[in-house]
Amino acid sequence: MHHVAPHAKVIATIIASPLAVNKHVFAAITTPTTGPAMFKLTTPNAPVVIPLVRGLYDGKDVLLITTEVSDKAMKDQIVNFTGFPVNYDANLRKISRGIGNLWIFKNGVKGPGFMGFQASVVDSIPGDPGYTPLWKVSTVEWKTNSGITPTILGSDDAIAAGQSKGQITITPTNVVVNCPILQWGGNKDNTIPAGHI
């Protein structure tokens, strides 16, 4: 997460912890006057606490972490949301194949998503042949001015159905995020069991 001399080898144990909705629970890693503190990972197996963020796949909960993002504005939004430093890496935009889809909601049902609405949706989980921790971000916006009542859309199929019914607008972006899934609830067909790393 921070630059390390090429010859140095750092091994860290990641301790992921649930993120309370709209709470910045990791203030210990920042200082109010200087911003994010520099980690000193000089000891092998030094623990690093990274907040878990809730998402959805096939209507089931997943928990993921965010480590890099290809867009500075979204990086700042994620840092403000989680209270944890996230790397900006424009090179993620160069990846165009073997990448998943992640939908972030701009409005609708209030919830634990990065923009304050429902949890983000991903299109694969570990165990799925198409799974990758890299995701191309699209935003979803409910068309509330036409009397539509937003609901939770918990899967890529539900998002596609909402778009085909004219209930939502999906806007693809060129933003790529690195968000490995650490815990998942399985899929609707029970061909991929629930699991965790």
N, C-alpha and C. Protein backbone atom coordinates (compact mmCIF):
# COMPACT_ATOMS: atom_id res chain seq x y z
N MET A 1 0.81 -1.18 0.00
CA MET A 1 0.00 0.00 0.00
C MET A 1 0.86 1.25 0.00
N HIS A 2 2.07 1.15 0.52
CA HIS A 2 3.02 2.25 0.44
C HIS A 2 4.25 1.72 -0.26
N HIS A 3 5.05 2.60 -0.83
CA HIS A 3 6.21 2.18 -1.58
C HIS A 3 7.24 1.55 -0.65
N VAL A 4 7.76 0.41 -1.06
CA VAL A 4 8.75 -0.32 -0.30
C VAL A 4 9.94 -0.51 -1.21
N ALA A 5 11.14 -0.42 -0.67
CA ALA A 5 12.34 -0.62 -1.48
C ALA A 5 12.25 -1.97 -2.17
N PRO A 6 12.73 -2.06 -3.44
CA PRO A 6 12.56 -3.29 -4.21
C PRO A 6 13.13 -4.52 -3.53
N HIS A 7 14.17 -4.39 -2.74
CA HIS A 7 14.79 -5.54 -2.11
C HIS A 7 14.12 -5.94 -0.79
N ALA A 8 13.24 -5.10 -0.27
CA ALA A 8 12.59 -5.40 1.00
C ALA A 8 11.39 -6.31 0.76
N LYS A 9 11.17 -7.22 1.66
CA LYS A 9 10.02 -8.11 1.58
C LYS A 9 9.20 -7.92 2.84
N VAL A 10 7.94 -7.52 2.66
CA VAL A 10 7.08 -7.26 3.81
C VAL A 10 5.95 -8.27 3.79
N ILE A 11 5.74 -8.94 4.89
CA ILE A 11 4.62 -9.86 5.03
C ILE A 11 3.72 -9.29 6.11
N ALA A 12 2.45 -9.13 5.79
CA ALA A 12 1.52 -8.57 6.77
C ALA A 12 0.31 -9.48 6.89
N THR A 13 -0.22 -9.56 8.07
CA THR A 13 -1.47 -10.25 8.30
C THR A 13 -2.56 -9.20 8.18
N ILE A 14 -3.54 -9.45 7.32
CA ILE A 14 -4.64 -8.51 7.16
C ILE A 14 -5.74 -8.90 8.13
N ILE A 15 -6.14 -7.96 8.94
CA ILE A 15 -7.25 -8.18 9.86
C ILE A 15 -8.39 -7.32 9.34
N ALA A 16 -9.37 -7.96 8.72
CA ALA A 16 -10.50 -7.21 8.18
C ALA A 16 -11.56 -7.12 9.27
N SER A 17 -12.17 -5.98 9.35
CA SER A 17 -13.14 -5.73 10.40
C SER A 17 -14.39 -5.11 9.80
N PRO A 18 -15.58 -5.52 10.22
CA PRO A 18 -16.80 -4.95 9.65
C PRO A 18 -16.86 -3.45 9.83
N LEU A 19 -17.35 -2.78 8.81
CA LEU A 19 -17.48 -1.33 8.83
C LEU A 19 -18.89 -0.99 9.25
N ALA A 20 -19.03 -0.22 10.29
CA ALA A 20 -20.35 0.24 10.72
C ALA A 20 -20.84 1.25 9.68
N VAL A 21 -22.10 1.14 9.31
CA VAL A 21 -22.65 2.03 8.29
C VAL A 21 -22.49 3.49 8.70
N ASN A 22 -21.92 4.28 7.80
CA ASN A 22 -21.73 5.72 8.00
C ASN A 22 -20.90 6.05 9.24
N LYS A 23 -20.06 5.15 9.67
CA LYS A 23 -19.18 5.41 10.81
C LYS A 23 -17.75 5.30 10.34
N HIS A 24 -16.89 6.14 10.83
CA HIS A 24 -15.47 6.06 10.54
C HIS A 24 -14.83 5.45 11.79
N VAL A 25 -14.70 4.12 11.78
CA VAL A 25 -14.28 3.42 12.98
C VAL A 25 -12.78 3.18 13.05
N PHE A 26 -12.03 3.70 12.07
CA PHE A 26 -10.60 3.44 12.05
C PHE A 26 -9.81 4.72 12.22
N ALA A 27 -10.27 5.59 13.14
CA ALA A 27 -9.60 6.87 13.38
C ALA A 27 -8.19 6.68 13.91
N ALA A 28 -7.89 5.51 14.46
CA ALA A 28 -6.56 5.27 15.03
C ALA A 28 -5.46 5.33 13.98
N ILE A 29 -5.79 5.15 12.69
CA ILE A 29 -4.76 5.17 11.67
C ILE A 29 -4.58 6.54 11.03
N THR A 30 -5.35 7.50 11.47
CA THR A 30 -5.21 8.85 10.93
C THR A 30 -5.03 9.84 12.07
N THR A 31 -4.48 10.98 11.71
CA THR A 31 -4.39 12.06 12.69
C THR A 31 -5.10 13.26 12.10
N PRO A 32 -5.85 14.00 12.92
CA PRO A 32 -6.67 15.07 12.37
C PRO A 32 -5.88 16.20 11.73
N THR A 33 -4.63 16.38 12.10
CA THR A 33 -3.89 17.50 11.55
C THR A 33 -3.00 17.12 10.38
N THR A 34 -2.67 15.85 10.24
CA THR A 34 -1.74 15.47 9.18
C THR A 34 -2.30 14.49 8.18
N GLY A 35 -3.52 14.01 8.35
CA GLY A 35 -4.08 13.05 7.41
C GLY A 35 -3.62 11.64 7.75
N PRO A 36 -3.70 10.73 6.76
CA PRO A 36 -3.36 9.34 7.04
C PRO A 36 -1.92 9.19 7.53
N ALA A 37 -1.76 8.38 8.55
CA ALA A 37 -0.43 8.13 9.11
C ALA A 37 0.29 7.10 8.26
N MET A 38 1.59 7.21 8.15
CA MET A 38 2.38 6.24 7.40
C MET A 38 2.52 4.97 8.24
N PHE A 39 2.14 3.83 7.65
CA PHE A 39 2.33 2.57 8.34
C PHE A 39 3.81 2.22 8.32
N LYS A 40 4.31 1.67 9.40
CA LYS A 40 5.68 1.19 9.45
C LYS A 40 5.63 -0.32 9.54
N LEU A 41 5.56 -0.96 8.37
CA LEU A 41 5.47 -2.40 8.33
C LEU A 41 6.86 -2.99 8.20
N THR A 42 7.63 -2.87 9.27
CA THR A 42 9.00 -3.36 9.25
C THR A 42 9.13 -4.71 9.93
N THR A 43 8.08 -5.15 10.59
CA THR A 43 8.10 -6.43 11.29
C THR A 43 7.26 -7.43 10.52
N PRO A 44 7.82 -8.59 10.18
CA PRO A 44 6.99 -9.60 9.51
C PRO A 44 5.76 -9.93 10.35
N ASN A 45 4.66 -10.19 9.67
CA ASN A 45 3.38 -10.55 10.29
C ASN A 45 2.77 -9.40 11.09
N ALA A 46 3.17 -8.16 10.81
CA ALA A 46 2.54 -7.01 11.48
C ALA A 46 1.09 -6.92 11.02
N PRO A 47 0.15 -6.81 11.95
CA PRO A 47 -1.27 -6.74 11.56
C PRO A 47 -1.62 -5.39 10.94
N VAL A 48 -2.49 -5.44 9.93
CA VAL A 48 -3.02 -4.24 9.29
C VAL A 48 -4.54 -4.38 9.34
N VAL A 49 -5.23 -3.38 9.85
CA VAL A 49 -6.68 -3.43 9.94
C VAL A 49 -7.27 -2.72 8.74
N ILE A 50 -8.03 -3.47 7.93
CA ILE A 50 -8.68 -2.91 6.74
C ILE A 50 -10.18 -3.10 6.91
N PRO A 51 -10.97 -2.03 6.77
CA PRO A 51 -12.42 -2.17 6.98
C PRO A 51 -13.09 -2.99 5.88
N LEU A 52 -14.02 -3.84 6.28
CA LEU A 52 -14.84 -4.59 5.35
C LEU A 52 -16.00 -3.72 4.90
N VAL A 53 -16.36 -3.84 3.64
CA VAL A 53 -17.50 -3.12 3.08
C VAL A 53 -18.49 -4.16 2.58
N ARG A 54 -19.77 -3.94 2.83
CA ARG A 54 -20.81 -4.89 2.43
C ARG A 54 -21.17 -4.69 0.97
N GLY A 55 -21.36 -5.80 0.27
CA GLY A 55 -21.86 -5.80 -1.10
C GLY A 55 -22.90 -6.89 -1.25
N LEU A 56 -23.41 -7.07 -2.48
CA LEU A 56 -24.42 -8.09 -2.74
C LEU A 56 -24.06 -8.87 -4.01
N TYR A 57 -24.35 -10.16 -3.97
CA TYR A 57 -24.23 -11.03 -5.13
C TYR A 57 -25.37 -12.04 -5.07
N ASP A 58 -26.15 -12.16 -6.13
CA ASP A 58 -27.30 -13.07 -6.15
C ASP A 58 -28.20 -12.89 -4.93
N GLY A 59 -28.32 -11.65 -4.47
CA GLY A 59 -29.18 -11.34 -3.33
C GLY A 59 -28.59 -11.70 -1.99
N LYS A 60 -27.33 -12.17 -1.97
CA LYS A 60 -26.68 -12.58 -0.72
C LYS A 60 -25.52 -11.64 -0.41
N ASP A 61 -25.25 -11.49 0.88
CA ASP A 61 -24.19 -10.59 1.32
C ASP A 61 -22.81 -11.09 0.92
N VAL A 62 -21.96 -10.14 0.54
CA VAL A 62 -20.52 -10.37 0.42
C VAL A 62 -19.84 -9.28 1.24
N LEU A 63 -18.64 -9.57 1.70
CA LEU A 63 -17.84 -8.57 2.39
C LEU A 63 -16.54 -8.44 1.62
N LEU A 64 -16.17 -7.21 1.30
CA LEU A 64 -14.98 -6.96 0.50
C LEU A 64 -14.14 -5.86 1.10
N ILE A 65 -12.91 -5.77 0.65
CA ILE A 65 -12.03 -4.68 1.03
C ILE A 65 -11.66 -3.92 -0.23
N THR A 66 -11.32 -2.66 -0.08
CA THR A 66 -10.91 -1.85 -1.23
C THR A 66 -9.49 -1.39 -0.99
N THR A 67 -8.61 -1.70 -1.96
CA THR A 67 -7.20 -1.35 -1.80
C THR A 67 -6.71 -0.32 -2.80
N GLU A 68 -7.23 -0.35 -4.03
CA GLU A 68 -6.83 0.61 -5.06
C GLU A 68 -8.04 1.03 -5.88
N VAL A 69 -7.95 2.24 -6.45
CA VAL A 69 -8.98 2.72 -7.37
C VAL A 69 -8.31 3.60 -8.42
N SER A 70 -8.85 3.58 -9.64
CA SER A 70 -8.22 4.28 -10.76
C SER A 70 -8.68 5.72 -10.92
N ASP A 71 -9.51 6.22 -10.04
CA ASP A 71 -10.07 7.56 -10.15
C ASP A 71 -9.85 8.32 -8.84
N LYS A 72 -9.25 9.52 -8.94
CA LYS A 72 -8.92 10.27 -7.72
C LYS A 72 -10.16 10.68 -6.93
N ALA A 73 -11.22 11.11 -7.62
CA ALA A 73 -12.42 11.55 -6.91
C ALA A 73 -13.07 10.37 -6.18
N MET A 74 -13.14 9.20 -6.85
CA MET A 74 -13.73 8.04 -6.18
C MET A 74 -12.82 7.55 -5.06
N LYS A 75 -11.52 7.65 -5.23
CA LYS A 75 -10.58 7.29 -4.16
C LYS A 75 -10.89 8.11 -2.92
N ASP A 76 -11.03 9.43 -3.10
CA ASP A 76 -11.34 10.30 -1.97
C ASP A 76 -12.67 9.94 -1.33
N GLN A 77 -13.66 9.61 -2.16
CA GLN A 77 -14.98 9.24 -1.64
C GLN A 77 -14.89 7.96 -0.80
N ILE A 78 -14.13 6.97 -1.29
CA ILE A 78 -13.99 5.72 -0.55
C ILE A 78 -13.22 5.94 0.74
N VAL A 79 -12.15 6.75 0.69
CA VAL A 79 -11.38 7.06 1.90
C VAL A 79 -12.27 7.75 2.92
N ASN A 80 -13.08 8.71 2.49
CA ASN A 80 -14.00 9.39 3.41
C ASN A 80 -15.03 8.44 3.98
N PHE A 81 -15.48 7.49 3.17
CA PHE A 81 -16.50 6.54 3.61
C PHE A 81 -15.95 5.54 4.62
N THR A 82 -14.76 4.98 4.33
CA THR A 82 -14.22 3.92 5.18
C THR A 82 -13.30 4.44 6.27
N GLY A 83 -12.71 5.63 6.08
CA GLY A 83 -11.73 6.13 7.03
C GLY A 83 -10.40 5.42 6.89
N PHE A 84 -10.18 4.73 5.76
CA PHE A 84 -8.96 3.97 5.55
C PHE A 84 -8.29 4.42 4.25
N PRO A 85 -6.96 4.55 4.24
CA PRO A 85 -6.29 5.00 3.01
C PRO A 85 -6.41 3.97 1.90
N VAL A 86 -6.74 4.45 0.71
CA VAL A 86 -6.85 3.62 -0.49
C VAL A 86 -5.90 4.23 -1.52
N ASN A 87 -5.19 3.38 -2.25
CA ASN A 87 -4.25 3.87 -3.26
C ASN A 87 -4.96 4.32 -4.52
N TYR A 88 -4.45 5.41 -5.11
CA TYR A 88 -4.87 5.83 -6.44
C TYR A 88 -3.91 5.19 -7.43
N ASP A 89 -4.44 4.46 -8.42
CA ASP A 89 -3.60 3.81 -9.43
C ASP A 89 -4.27 3.91 -10.79
N ALA A 90 -3.87 4.93 -11.57
CA ALA A 90 -4.46 5.15 -12.89
C ALA A 90 -4.23 3.97 -13.83
N ASN A 91 -3.20 3.17 -13.58
CA ASN A 91 -2.89 2.03 -14.45
C ASN A 91 -3.99 0.97 -14.44
N LEU A 92 -4.84 0.95 -13.42
CA LEU A 92 -5.94 -0.01 -13.40
C LEU A 92 -6.86 0.18 -14.59
N ARG A 93 -6.95 1.41 -15.11
CA ARG A 93 -7.82 1.69 -16.27
C ARG A 93 -7.35 0.96 -17.53
N LYS A 94 -6.08 0.60 -17.58
CA LYS A 94 -5.53 -0.06 -18.77
C LYS A 94 -5.98 -1.52 -18.87
N ILE A 95 -6.54 -2.06 -17.80
CA ILE A 95 -6.99 -3.45 -17.80
C ILE A 95 -8.38 -3.50 -18.41
N SER A 96 -8.52 -4.21 -19.51
CA SER A 96 -9.82 -4.24 -20.18
C SER A 96 -10.42 -5.64 -20.28
N ARG A 97 -9.62 -6.67 -20.04
CA ARG A 97 -10.12 -8.04 -20.14
C ARG A 97 -9.97 -8.74 -18.79
N GLY A 98 -10.82 -9.73 -18.57
CA GLY A 98 -10.75 -10.48 -17.32
C GLY A 98 -11.09 -9.63 -16.11
N ILE A 99 -12.08 -8.79 -16.26
CA ILE A 99 -12.45 -7.85 -15.20
C ILE A 99 -13.94 -8.00 -14.91
N GLY A 100 -14.32 -7.86 -13.65
CA GLY A 100 -15.72 -8.01 -13.26
C GLY A 100 -16.48 -6.69 -13.34
N ASN A 101 -17.76 -6.74 -13.00
CA ASN A 101 -18.62 -5.56 -12.97
C ASN A 101 -19.10 -5.31 -11.56
N LEU A 102 -19.06 -4.05 -11.16
CA LEU A 102 -19.53 -3.62 -9.85
C LEU A 102 -20.43 -2.41 -10.06
N TRP A 103 -21.62 -2.46 -9.47
CA TRP A 103 -22.58 -1.37 -9.61
C TRP A 103 -22.71 -0.64 -8.29
N ILE A 104 -22.56 0.69 -8.34
CA ILE A 104 -22.71 1.56 -7.17
C ILE A 104 -23.97 2.40 -7.36
N PHE A 105 -24.77 2.52 -6.30
CA PHE A 105 -26.06 3.20 -6.40
C PHE A 105 -25.94 4.66 -5.97
N LYS A 106 -26.43 5.56 -6.85
CA LYS A 106 -26.38 7.01 -6.60
C LYS A 106 -27.60 7.50 -5.83
N ASN A 107 -28.67 6.71 -5.83
CA ASN A 107 -29.90 7.07 -5.11
C ASN A 107 -30.67 5.79 -4.84
N GLY A 108 -31.88 5.92 -4.36
CA GLY A 108 -32.69 4.73 -4.08
C GLY A 108 -32.83 4.49 -2.59
N VAL A 109 -32.70 3.23 -2.19
CA VAL A 109 -32.87 2.83 -0.79
C VAL A 109 -31.59 3.17 -0.03
N LYS A 110 -31.73 3.93 1.05
CA LYS A 110 -30.55 4.28 1.86
C LYS A 110 -29.93 3.01 2.43
N GLY A 111 -28.58 3.02 2.51
CA GLY A 111 -27.91 1.82 3.00
C GLY A 111 -26.41 1.98 3.06
N PRO A 112 -25.67 0.85 3.10
CA PRO A 112 -24.24 0.86 3.37
C PRO A 112 -23.34 1.06 2.14
N GLY A 113 -23.90 1.44 1.00
CA GLY A 113 -23.10 1.65 -0.21
C GLY A 113 -22.21 2.88 -0.11
N PHE A 114 -21.21 2.96 -1.00
CA PHE A 114 -20.25 4.06 -0.98
C PHE A 114 -20.90 5.43 -1.11
N MET A 115 -22.08 5.52 -1.74
CA MET A 115 -22.75 6.81 -1.91
C MET A 115 -23.91 6.98 -0.93
N GLY A 116 -23.99 6.10 0.08
CA GLY A 116 -25.03 6.23 1.11
C GLY A 116 -26.32 5.52 0.78
N PHE A 117 -26.32 4.74 -0.31
CA PHE A 117 -27.53 4.01 -0.68
C PHE A 117 -27.24 2.52 -0.61
N GLN A 118 -28.06 1.71 -1.22
CA GLN A 118 -27.93 0.26 -1.05
C GLN A 118 -26.51 -0.22 -1.32
N ALA A 119 -26.19 -1.40 -0.82
CA ALA A 119 -24.87 -2.00 -1.02
C ALA A 119 -24.59 -2.18 -2.50
N SER A 120 -23.34 -2.06 -2.86
CA SER A 120 -22.92 -2.28 -4.24
C SER A 120 -23.18 -3.74 -4.62
N VAL A 121 -23.33 -3.98 -5.92
CA VAL A 121 -23.59 -5.33 -6.44
C VAL A 121 -22.41 -5.75 -7.31
N VAL A 122 -21.98 -7.01 -7.16
CA VAL A 122 -20.92 -7.57 -7.99
C VAL A 122 -21.48 -8.72 -8.81
N ASP A 123 -20.78 -9.06 -9.91
CA ASP A 123 -21.30 -10.10 -10.79
C ASP A 123 -20.60 -11.45 -10.67
N SER A 124 -19.71 -11.60 -9.68
CA SER A 124 -19.07 -12.90 -9.45
C SER A 124 -18.54 -12.96 -8.02
N ILE A 125 -18.29 -14.18 -7.56
CA ILE A 125 -17.73 -14.40 -6.23
C ILE A 125 -16.62 -15.45 -6.36
N PRO A 126 -15.75 -15.57 -5.35
CA PRO A 126 -14.74 -16.63 -5.40
C PRO A 126 -15.41 -17.99 -5.59
N GLY A 127 -14.82 -18.79 -6.45
CA GLY A 127 -15.41 -20.08 -6.82
C GLY A 127 -16.06 -20.03 -8.18
N ASP A 128 -16.44 -18.84 -8.62
CA ASP A 128 -16.99 -18.63 -9.96
C ASP A 128 -15.81 -18.54 -10.93
N PRO A 129 -15.86 -19.25 -12.08
CA PRO A 129 -14.73 -19.19 -13.01
C PRO A 129 -14.40 -17.77 -13.48
N GLY A 130 -15.36 -16.86 -13.45
CA GLY A 130 -15.12 -15.48 -13.90
C GLY A 130 -14.71 -14.53 -12.81
N TYR A 131 -14.51 -15.05 -11.57
CA TYR A 131 -14.20 -14.14 -10.46
C TYR A 131 -12.84 -13.47 -10.63
N THR A 132 -12.81 -12.20 -10.29
CA THR A 132 -11.59 -11.41 -10.23
C THR A 132 -11.78 -10.35 -9.16
N PRO A 133 -10.72 -9.92 -8.47
CA PRO A 133 -10.88 -8.82 -7.51
C PRO A 133 -10.91 -7.45 -8.17
N LEU A 134 -10.73 -7.40 -9.50
CA LEU A 134 -10.77 -6.12 -10.23
C LEU A 134 -12.15 -5.94 -10.84
N TRP A 135 -12.72 -4.74 -10.63
CA TRP A 135 -14.10 -4.48 -11.05
C TRP A 135 -14.18 -3.17 -11.82
N LYS A 136 -14.92 -3.18 -12.92
CA LYS A 136 -15.25 -1.95 -13.64
C LYS A 136 -16.52 -1.40 -13.01
N VAL A 137 -16.50 -0.13 -12.63
CA VAL A 137 -17.61 0.48 -11.90
C VAL A 137 -18.63 1.09 -12.86
N SER A 138 -19.89 0.81 -12.60
CA SER A 138 -21.01 1.50 -13.24
C SER A 138 -21.87 2.08 -12.13
N THR A 139 -22.48 3.22 -12.40
CA THR A 139 -23.39 3.80 -11.40
C THR A 139 -24.83 3.50 -11.81
N VAL A 140 -25.66 3.31 -10.81
CA VAL A 140 -27.08 3.03 -11.01
C VAL A 140 -27.87 4.16 -10.38
N GLU A 141 -28.83 4.68 -11.13
CA GLU A 141 -29.67 5.76 -10.63
C GLU A 141 -31.14 5.44 -10.91
N TRP A 142 -31.93 5.47 -9.84
CA TRP A 142 -33.37 5.24 -9.97
C TRP A 142 -34.03 6.44 -10.63
N LYS A 143 -35.01 6.19 -11.50
CA LYS A 143 -35.79 7.25 -12.14
C LYS A 143 -36.99 7.55 -11.24
N THR A 144 -36.72 8.28 -10.17
CA THR A 144 -37.76 8.52 -9.14
C THR A 144 -38.78 9.55 -9.56
N ASN A 145 -38.49 10.34 -10.59
CA ASN A 145 -39.45 11.38 -10.99
C ASN A 145 -40.65 10.81 -11.73
N SER A 146 -40.63 9.53 -12.06
CA SER A 146 -41.77 8.93 -12.77
C SER A 146 -42.63 8.06 -11.85
N GLY A 147 -42.57 8.32 -10.55
CA GLY A 147 -43.41 7.61 -9.59
C GLY A 147 -42.92 6.21 -9.24
N ILE A 148 -41.72 5.88 -9.61
CA ILE A 148 -41.16 4.56 -9.29
C ILE A 148 -40.65 4.55 -7.86
N THR A 149 -40.98 3.52 -7.11
CA THR A 149 -40.48 3.37 -5.74
C THR A 149 -39.25 2.47 -5.76
N PRO A 150 -38.09 2.99 -5.38
CA PRO A 150 -36.87 2.17 -5.40
C PRO A 150 -36.97 0.99 -4.43
N THR A 151 -36.35 -0.11 -4.82
CA THR A 151 -36.23 -1.30 -3.99
C THR A 151 -34.75 -1.71 -4.00
N ILE A 152 -34.40 -2.70 -3.20
CA ILE A 152 -33.04 -3.24 -3.22
C ILE A 152 -32.89 -4.14 -4.45
N LEU A 153 -31.89 -3.85 -5.25
CA LEU A 153 -31.55 -4.70 -6.39
C LEU A 153 -30.31 -5.49 -5.97
N GLY A 154 -30.45 -6.79 -5.77
CA GLY A 154 -29.38 -7.57 -5.15
C GLY A 154 -28.52 -8.38 -6.09
N SER A 155 -28.73 -8.26 -7.40
CA SER A 155 -27.95 -9.07 -8.33
C SER A 155 -27.83 -8.36 -9.67
N ASP A 156 -26.91 -8.86 -10.51
CA ASP A 156 -26.78 -8.30 -11.85
C ASP A 156 -28.06 -8.56 -12.66
N ASP A 157 -28.74 -9.69 -12.42
CA ASP A 157 -30.00 -9.97 -13.12
C ASP A 157 -31.08 -8.96 -12.72
N ALA A 158 -31.16 -8.63 -11.43
CA ALA A 158 -32.16 -7.65 -10.97
C ALA A 158 -31.86 -6.27 -11.54
N ILE A 159 -30.58 -5.93 -11.65
CA ILE A 159 -30.20 -4.64 -12.24
C ILE A 159 -30.58 -4.61 -13.71
N ALA A 160 -30.29 -5.69 -14.44
CA ALA A 160 -30.66 -5.76 -15.87
C ALA A 160 -32.18 -5.66 -16.04
N ALA A 161 -32.94 -6.32 -15.17
CA ALA A 161 -34.41 -6.27 -15.24
C ALA A 161 -34.91 -4.85 -14.96
N GLY A 162 -34.31 -4.18 -13.96
CA GLY A 162 -34.71 -2.79 -13.66
C GLY A 162 -34.42 -1.86 -14.82
N GLN A 163 -33.32 -2.09 -15.51
CA GLN A 163 -33.00 -1.27 -16.68
C GLN A 163 -33.97 -1.55 -17.82
N SER A 164 -34.28 -2.82 -18.06
CA SER A 164 -35.19 -3.14 -19.18
C SER A 164 -36.61 -2.64 -18.92
N LYS A 165 -37.00 -2.51 -17.65
CA LYS A 165 -38.32 -1.97 -17.30
C LYS A 165 -38.33 -0.44 -17.30
N GLY A 166 -37.18 0.17 -17.51
CA GLY A 166 -37.11 1.64 -17.52
C GLY A 166 -37.12 2.25 -16.13
N GLN A 167 -36.80 1.46 -15.09
CA GLN A 167 -36.83 1.96 -13.71
C GLN A 167 -35.53 2.63 -13.30
N ILE A 168 -34.43 2.21 -13.91
CA ILE A 168 -33.11 2.73 -13.53
C ILE A 168 -32.31 3.10 -14.77
N THR A 169 -31.34 3.95 -14.56
CA THR A 169 -30.35 4.28 -15.58
C THR A 169 -29.01 3.76 -15.10
N ILE A 170 -28.31 3.04 -15.97
CA ILE A 170 -26.97 2.54 -15.66
C ILE A 170 -25.98 3.35 -16.47
N THR A 171 -24.99 3.92 -15.79
CA THR A 171 -23.96 4.72 -16.45
C THR A 171 -22.61 4.05 -16.26
N PRO A 172 -22.06 3.45 -17.33
CA PRO A 172 -20.72 2.88 -17.21
C PRO A 172 -19.69 3.98 -16.97
N THR A 173 -18.64 3.68 -16.23
CA THR A 173 -17.55 4.62 -16.02
C THR A 173 -16.26 3.96 -16.51
N ASN A 174 -15.17 4.71 -16.49
CA ASN A 174 -13.88 4.12 -16.81
C ASN A 174 -13.10 3.82 -15.52
N VAL A 175 -13.79 3.82 -14.38
CA VAL A 175 -13.17 3.58 -13.08
C VAL A 175 -13.04 2.08 -12.84
N VAL A 176 -11.85 1.67 -12.39
CA VAL A 176 -11.60 0.29 -12.00
C VAL A 176 -11.17 0.30 -10.54
N VAL A 177 -11.73 -0.63 -9.76
CA VAL A 177 -11.37 -0.75 -8.35
C VAL A 177 -10.84 -2.15 -8.08
N ASN A 178 -9.92 -2.24 -7.13
CA ASN A 178 -9.42 -3.52 -6.66
C ASN A 178 -10.11 -3.80 -5.33
N CYS A 179 -11.08 -4.69 -5.34
CA CYS A 179 -11.89 -4.98 -4.16
C CYS A 179 -12.01 -6.49 -3.99
N PRO A 180 -11.01 -7.15 -3.41
CA PRO A 180 -11.13 -8.59 -3.17
C PRO A 180 -12.29 -8.91 -2.22
N ILE A 181 -13.03 -9.96 -2.55
CA ILE A 181 -14.12 -10.43 -1.68
C ILE A 181 -13.52 -11.40 -0.67
N LEU A 182 -13.76 -11.12 0.61
CA LEU A 182 -13.21 -11.95 1.67
C LEU A 182 -14.22 -12.91 2.28
N GLN A 183 -15.51 -12.61 2.12
CA GLN A 183 -16.56 -13.51 2.63
C GLN A 183 -17.75 -13.41 1.69
N TRP A 184 -18.39 -14.54 1.40
CA TRP A 184 -19.50 -14.55 0.46
C TRP A 184 -20.54 -15.57 0.88
N GLY A 185 -21.77 -15.33 0.45
CA GLY A 185 -22.90 -16.17 0.87
C GLY A 185 -23.28 -17.24 -0.13
N GLY A 186 -22.47 -17.50 -1.13
CA GLY A 186 -22.82 -18.50 -2.13
C GLY A 186 -23.69 -17.91 -3.23
N ASN A 187 -24.14 -18.76 -4.15
CA ASN A 187 -24.98 -18.27 -5.25
C ASN A 187 -26.37 -18.88 -5.18
N LYS A 188 -27.28 -18.34 -5.98
CA LYS A 188 -28.69 -18.76 -5.89
C LYS A 188 -28.91 -20.21 -6.33
N ASP A 189 -28.01 -20.74 -7.19
CA ASP A 189 -28.17 -22.12 -7.67
C ASP A 189 -27.50 -23.14 -6.75
N ASN A 190 -26.84 -22.67 -5.71
CA ASN A 190 -26.10 -23.52 -4.76
C ASN A 190 -24.99 -24.33 -5.44
N THR A 191 -24.45 -23.80 -6.55
CA THR A 191 -23.31 -24.45 -7.18
C THR A 191 -22.00 -23.91 -6.62
N ILE A 192 -22.06 -22.73 -5.97
CA ILE A 192 -20.90 -22.18 -5.28
C ILE A 192 -21.30 -22.03 -3.81
N PRO A 193 -20.64 -22.74 -2.90
CA PRO A 193 -21.02 -22.64 -1.49
C PRO A 193 -20.54 -21.31 -0.87
N ALA A 194 -21.17 -20.96 0.22
CA ALA A 194 -20.70 -19.81 1.01
C ALA A 194 -19.29 -20.09 1.46
N GLY A 195 -18.51 -19.03 1.64
CA GLY A 195 -17.14 -19.23 2.08
C GLY A 195 -16.49 -17.95 2.53
N HIS A 196 -15.24 -18.07 2.92
CA HIS A 196 -14.47 -16.91 3.34
C HIS A 196 -12.99 -17.23 3.17
N ILE A 197 -12.21 -16.18 3.12
CA ILE A 197 -10.75 -16.33 3.03
C ILE A 197 -10.19 -16.26 4.44
